[in-house]
Protein backbone atom coordinates (compact mmCIF):
# COMPACT_ATOMS: atom_id res chain seq x y z
CA MET A 1 -5.36 -31.64 -30.76
CA THR A 2 -5.74 -35.38 -30.42
CA GLY A 3 -2.02 -35.98 -30.80
CA ARG A 4 -2.54 -39.65 -31.60
CA PRO A 5 -1.39 -41.06 -34.92
CA TYR A 6 -3.82 -42.77 -37.23
CA ARG A 7 -4.02 -46.46 -36.30
CA GLY A 8 -4.85 -47.74 -39.76
CA ARG A 9 -8.23 -49.25 -38.91
CA GLY A 10 -11.36 -47.96 -40.62
CA ARG A 11 -11.68 -44.70 -42.43
CA PRO A 12 -8.90 -42.16 -41.77
CA PRO A 13 -10.01 -38.94 -40.07
CA LEU A 14 -10.83 -36.14 -42.49
CA PHE A 15 -10.48 -33.34 -39.96
CA ASP A 16 -7.17 -34.33 -38.42
CA ASP A 17 -4.74 -32.04 -36.58
CA GLY A 18 -3.26 -30.63 -39.78
CA ALA A 19 -6.68 -29.81 -41.24
CA ARG A 20 -7.75 -28.22 -37.95
CA GLU A 21 -4.68 -25.99 -37.85
CA ARG A 22 -5.22 -24.97 -41.48
CA PHE A 23 -8.89 -24.24 -40.77
CA LEU A 24 -8.04 -22.13 -37.72
CA GLY A 25 -5.41 -20.25 -39.73
CA LEU A 26 -7.92 -19.43 -42.45
CA VAL A 27 -10.50 -18.24 -39.93
CA ALA A 28 -7.88 -16.11 -38.16
CA SER A 29 -6.86 -14.55 -41.49
CA GLY A 30 -10.36 -13.13 -41.97
CA LEU A 31 -12.34 -15.83 -43.77
CA THR A 32 -15.74 -16.78 -42.47
CA MET A 33 -16.19 -20.28 -41.08
CA ARG A 34 -18.16 -21.30 -44.18
CA ASP A 35 -15.47 -20.06 -46.57
CA ALA A 36 -12.70 -21.64 -44.49
CA ALA A 37 -14.56 -24.98 -44.48
CA VAL A 38 -14.87 -24.86 -48.27
CA ALA A 39 -11.16 -24.02 -48.62
CA CYS A 40 -10.06 -26.83 -46.27
CA PRO A 41 -12.20 -28.85 -47.70
CA VAL A 42 -14.35 -30.12 -44.89
CA ALA A 43 -18.09 -30.02 -44.23
CA GLN A 44 -19.38 -27.40 -41.81
CA ARG A 45 -21.10 -30.04 -39.71
CA VAL A 46 -17.70 -31.66 -39.06
CA VAL A 47 -16.39 -28.35 -37.75
CA THR A 48 -19.48 -27.89 -35.59
CA TYR A 49 -19.20 -31.43 -34.24
CA THR A 50 -15.52 -30.90 -33.41
CA LYS A 51 -16.30 -27.58 -31.75
CA PHE A 52 -18.91 -29.15 -29.48
CA HIS A 53 -16.89 -32.26 -28.60
CA HIS A 54 -13.36 -30.85 -28.22
CA ALA A 55 -12.98 -27.99 -25.76
CA ASP A 56 -9.46 -27.07 -26.85
CA PHE A 57 -10.58 -26.72 -30.48
CA ALA A 58 -13.57 -24.64 -29.38
CA ALA A 59 -11.31 -22.24 -27.47
CA ALA A 60 -8.89 -21.96 -30.38
CA LEU A 61 -11.79 -21.39 -32.78
CA ALA A 62 -13.24 -18.61 -30.61
CA ALA A 63 -9.87 -16.83 -30.56
CA ALA A 64 -9.44 -17.27 -34.32
CA ARG A 65 -12.94 -15.94 -35.02
CA GLU A 66 -12.31 -12.86 -32.89
CA LYS A 67 -9.02 -12.17 -34.67
CA GLY A 68 -10.63 -12.71 -38.08
CA LYS A 69 -13.50 -10.36 -37.24
CA ARG A 70 -11.04 -7.62 -36.30
CA ILE A 71 -9.23 -8.12 -39.62
CA ARG A 72 -12.50 -7.92 -41.59
CA ASP A 73 -13.59 -4.83 -39.66
CA ASP A 74 -10.27 -3.10 -40.30
CA ALA A 75 -10.55 -3.86 -44.02
CA GLN A 76 -13.89 -2.05 -44.30
CA PRO A 77 -13.42 1.46 -45.78
CA HIS A 78 -14.20 4.49 -43.66
CA GLY A 79 -17.56 6.04 -44.40
CA GLU A 80 -21.21 6.10 -43.38
CA SER A 81 -21.57 2.31 -43.36
CA ARG A 82 -18.65 1.86 -41.00
CA TYR A 83 -20.10 4.59 -38.75
CA ASN A 84 -23.54 2.95 -38.65
CA HIS A 85 -22.63 -0.76 -38.60
CA GLY A 86 -19.07 -0.86 -37.33
CA GLY A 87 -19.33 1.75 -34.60
CA CYS A 88 -16.33 3.74 -35.91
CA ARG A 89 -16.42 7.33 -34.66
CA CYS A 90 -13.33 8.70 -36.38
CA GLY A 91 -13.55 12.06 -38.13
CA ILE A 92 -13.94 10.60 -41.62
CA CYS A 93 -16.82 8.32 -40.65
CA THR A 94 -18.55 10.99 -38.55
CA LYS A 95 -18.42 13.56 -41.39
CA ALA A 96 -19.67 11.02 -43.93
CA ALA A 97 -22.60 9.97 -41.73
CA THR A 98 -23.51 13.60 -40.94
CA ALA A 99 -23.47 14.56 -44.63
CA ALA A 100 -25.54 11.53 -45.60
CA ARG A 101 -28.14 12.24 -42.90
CA ALA A 102 -28.36 15.89 -43.95
CA GLY A 103 -28.82 14.84 -47.56
CA ARG A 104 -31.65 12.47 -46.67
CA ARG A 105 -33.38 15.11 -44.55
CA ALA A 106 -33.20 17.67 -47.35
CA VAL A 107 -35.29 15.52 -49.70
CA PRO A 108 -38.90 16.80 -49.59
CA ALA A 109 -41.71 14.49 -48.63
CA ASP A 110 -44.02 13.17 -51.33
CA ASP A 111 -46.44 15.81 -52.59
CA PRO A 112 -49.99 14.60 -51.88
CA SER A 113 -51.29 16.27 -55.08
CA ALA A 114 -49.07 13.94 -57.10
CA VAL A 115 -51.08 10.90 -55.98
CA ILE A 116 -53.06 9.40 -58.86
CA ASP A 117 -56.76 9.03 -58.14
CA MET A 118 -58.25 5.65 -58.92
CA PRO A 119 -61.52 5.63 -60.87
CA GLN A 120 -64.56 5.13 -58.72
CA LEU A 121 -66.45 1.89 -59.23
CA GLY A 122 -69.84 3.41 -58.65
CA GLY A 123 -72.40 2.42 -56.09
CA SER A 124 -71.77 -1.33 -56.00
CA LEU A 125 -68.85 -3.65 -56.36
CA PRO A 126 -68.85 -6.46 -58.93
CA VAL A 127 -69.99 -9.76 -57.51
CA LEU A 128 -68.10 -12.96 -58.10
CA VAL A 129 -70.11 -16.18 -57.89
CA LEU A 130 -68.35 -19.46 -57.33
CA ALA A 131 -70.09 -22.72 -58.08
CA VAL A 132 -69.12 -25.88 -56.27
CA ALA A 133 -69.49 -29.13 -58.19
CA SER A 134 -70.77 -32.02 -56.17
């Protein structure tokens, strides 16, 4: 990304080209940015700083995040959750969501006679007096 070797003056860069490539590889493999930063190890703020100040890294990070999201989405099992949150409309997910909705609709509403009555306090409410010390 920078392509320049370390000059030997001051502190060496922690997020050099090798660390960036490793980070991008981890993100592209399906890890979140937080988990990839922990595995690298580098602080998230360093990644954010690099993203905002290096356009080529930002473009590579966007592509890696998109690829990683597809991998995470494909790893999610088919069912009602994938239908609702992932937008999958395959036969398995559609049947699971339909069955779950039907099951929730079949549950009767709460019976109002089952509500417990609270005892009545009578004609007046208890009074609470607060004294302020001066």
